[in-house]
Amino acid sequence: MVLKLIDATQARSGVNILIDGEAYTVKSNDISKSGKHGASKCRIEAVSLTGGKKKVLAVPGHLRFEVPMIDKRKGQILSVGDHNASVMDLESFETLDLPYPEEVAGDLVPEKQVEYWDIEGYKVIRRVL
């Protein structure tokens, strides 16, 4: 569920946008001035929230991007696998099998609390609390 739409010129550093259906965080946005015969242009550098992939776009300033809804929740680790961890949500008590990034792999142990994000239906562990 998309909350709102923003122009490419409003995509400042730290804003989350959807590019090709995937959530990205804007790292930089270089905006050129509008000229005699055209509109402003934006060069946007963004990093994926789910995979860490970097993407660079050159788009017109009036192009609109969707801002994804990100739900940040807390959970408790039940067990840890090779690439996924079994997590119990602390509000609804449902059990989820969630992937985790390599940065937090060493800190994941059973009975520790984690913050996981629900990004447009895709859930991933983001940090250990």
Protein backbone atom coordinates (compact mmCIF):
# COMPACT_ATOMS: atom_id res chain seq x y z
CA MET A 1 0.00 0.00 0.00
CA VAL A 2 1.62 3.21 -1.17
CA LEU A 3 1.22 6.20 1.11
CA LYS A 4 1.96 9.05 -1.27
CA LEU A 5 3.62 10.20 -4.49
CA ILE A 6 6.55 12.63 -4.68
CA ASP A 7 8.28 14.37 -7.59
CA ALA A 8 11.87 13.41 -8.44
CA THR A 9 13.02 16.84 -7.23
CA GLN A 10 11.56 16.09 -3.76
CA ALA A 11 13.49 12.82 -3.37
CA ARG A 12 16.09 14.04 -0.88
CA SER A 13 18.76 11.94 0.83
CA GLY A 14 17.21 9.40 3.20
CA VAL A 15 13.78 9.25 1.53
CA ASN A 16 12.46 5.81 0.59
CA ILE A 17 11.03 5.38 -2.93
CA LEU A 18 9.84 2.51 -5.12
CA ILE A 19 11.88 1.84 -8.27
CA ASP A 20 10.61 -0.99 -10.49
CA GLY A 21 8.47 -2.28 -7.60
CA GLU A 22 11.36 -2.53 -5.13
CA ALA A 23 12.03 -0.22 -2.16
CA TYR A 24 15.16 1.94 -2.32
CA THR A 25 16.65 4.62 -0.05
CA VAL A 26 17.89 7.74 -1.83
CA LYS A 27 21.57 8.44 -1.09
CA SER A 28 21.97 11.54 -3.29
CA ASN A 29 19.96 13.58 -5.76
CA ASP A 30 21.68 16.01 -8.13
CA ILE A 31 19.12 18.39 -9.65
CA SER A 32 20.00 20.42 -12.75
CA LYS A 33 18.29 23.74 -13.38
CA SER A 34 15.59 24.04 -15.97
CA GLY A 35 16.87 25.52 -19.19
CA LYS A 36 15.50 27.52 -22.07
CA HIS A 37 14.01 24.49 -23.82
CA GLY A 38 13.44 21.95 -21.12
CA ALA A 39 12.59 20.91 -17.63
CA SER A 40 14.97 20.13 -14.79
CA LYS A 41 16.69 16.75 -14.66
CA CYS A 42 17.54 14.63 -11.60
CA ARG A 43 20.36 12.14 -11.16
CA ILE A 44 19.29 9.90 -8.28
CA GLU A 45 21.58 7.40 -6.54
CA ALA A 46 19.69 4.87 -4.44
CA VAL A 47 20.43 1.69 -2.46
CA SER A 48 17.98 -1.21 -2.13
CA LEU A 49 16.46 -1.80 1.32
CA THR A 50 16.21 -5.53 0.77
CA GLY A 51 19.38 -6.52 -1.10
CA GLY A 52 21.80 -3.60 -0.85
CA LYS A 53 21.97 -3.17 -4.64
CA LYS A 54 22.92 0.29 -5.90
CA LYS A 55 20.95 1.95 -8.69
CA VAL A 56 21.59 5.25 -10.51
CA LEU A 57 18.74 6.93 -12.41
CA ALA A 58 18.63 10.00 -14.66
CA VAL A 59 15.01 11.16 -14.83
CA PRO A 60 13.01 14.33 -15.53
CA GLY A 61 12.28 16.44 -12.46
CA HIS A 62 8.52 16.07 -12.84
CA LEU A 63 8.59 12.24 -12.76
CA ARG A 64 6.66 10.95 -9.75
CA PHE A 65 7.85 8.19 -7.43
CA GLU A 66 5.78 6.16 -4.98
CA VAL A 67 6.81 6.25 -1.32
CA PRO A 68 6.44 2.76 0.21
CA MET A 69 4.80 2.06 3.53
CA ILE A 70 7.36 0.58 5.94
CA ASP A 71 6.06 -1.01 9.13
CA LYS A 72 8.78 -1.41 11.78
CA ARG A 73 8.02 -4.17 14.29
CA LYS A 74 9.74 -6.02 17.12
CA GLY A 75 10.14 -9.75 17.49
CA GLN A 76 11.98 -12.40 19.47
CA ILE A 77 14.27 -14.94 17.81
CA LEU A 78 13.20 -18.56 18.28
CA SER A 79 15.87 -20.22 16.11
CA VAL A 80 18.52 -19.24 13.56
CA GLY A 81 19.20 -21.01 10.27
CA ASP A 82 21.71 -20.45 7.45
CA HIS A 83 19.90 -17.55 5.77
CA ASN A 84 16.63 -17.27 7.71
CA ALA A 85 15.63 -16.89 11.35
CA SER A 86 12.40 -17.96 13.02
CA VAL A 87 10.96 -14.90 14.78
CA MET A 88 7.91 -14.49 17.02
CA ASP A 89 6.18 -11.11 16.68
CA LEU A 90 5.90 -9.47 20.13
CA GLU A 91 2.47 -7.93 19.43
CA SER A 92 0.54 -10.62 17.57
CA PHE A 93 2.63 -13.63 18.75
CA GLU A 94 2.69 -15.09 15.23
CA THR A 95 5.79 -16.99 14.08
CA LEU A 96 7.59 -15.76 10.95
CA ASP A 97 10.50 -17.16 8.96
CA LEU A 98 12.52 -14.05 8.02
CA PRO A 99 15.74 -13.52 6.02
CA TYR A 100 18.52 -11.46 7.57
CA PRO A 101 21.45 -9.44 6.15
CA GLU A 102 25.07 -10.49 6.67
CA GLU A 103 25.75 -7.51 8.97
CA VAL A 104 23.57 -8.90 11.77
CA ALA A 105 24.32 -12.62 11.27
CA GLY A 106 26.85 -12.81 14.11
CA ASP A 107 24.53 -11.16 16.66
CA LEU A 108 21.53 -13.44 16.09
CA VAL A 109 21.02 -15.88 18.95
CA PRO A 110 17.79 -17.42 20.28
CA GLU A 111 15.76 -15.35 22.78
CA LYS A 112 17.23 -12.03 21.59
CA GLN A 113 14.93 -9.28 20.37
CA VAL A 114 15.17 -7.91 16.83
CA GLU A 115 13.57 -5.18 14.76
CA TYR A 116 12.12 -6.37 11.47
CA TRP A 117 10.62 -4.28 8.70
CA ASP A 118 7.54 -5.06 6.61
CA ILE A 119 8.28 -3.28 3.32
CA GLU A 120 5.23 -3.56 1.04
CA GLY A 121 4.71 -7.20 2.08
CA TYR A 122 8.41 -8.19 2.10
CA LYS A 123 9.66 -8.81 5.65
CA VAL A 124 13.35 -8.70 6.64
CA ILE A 125 15.30 -8.47 9.91
CA ARG A 126 17.08 -5.11 10.08
CA ARG A 127 18.85 -4.97 13.47
CA VAL A 128 19.32 -6.65 16.83
CA LEU A 129 18.00 -4.74 19.84
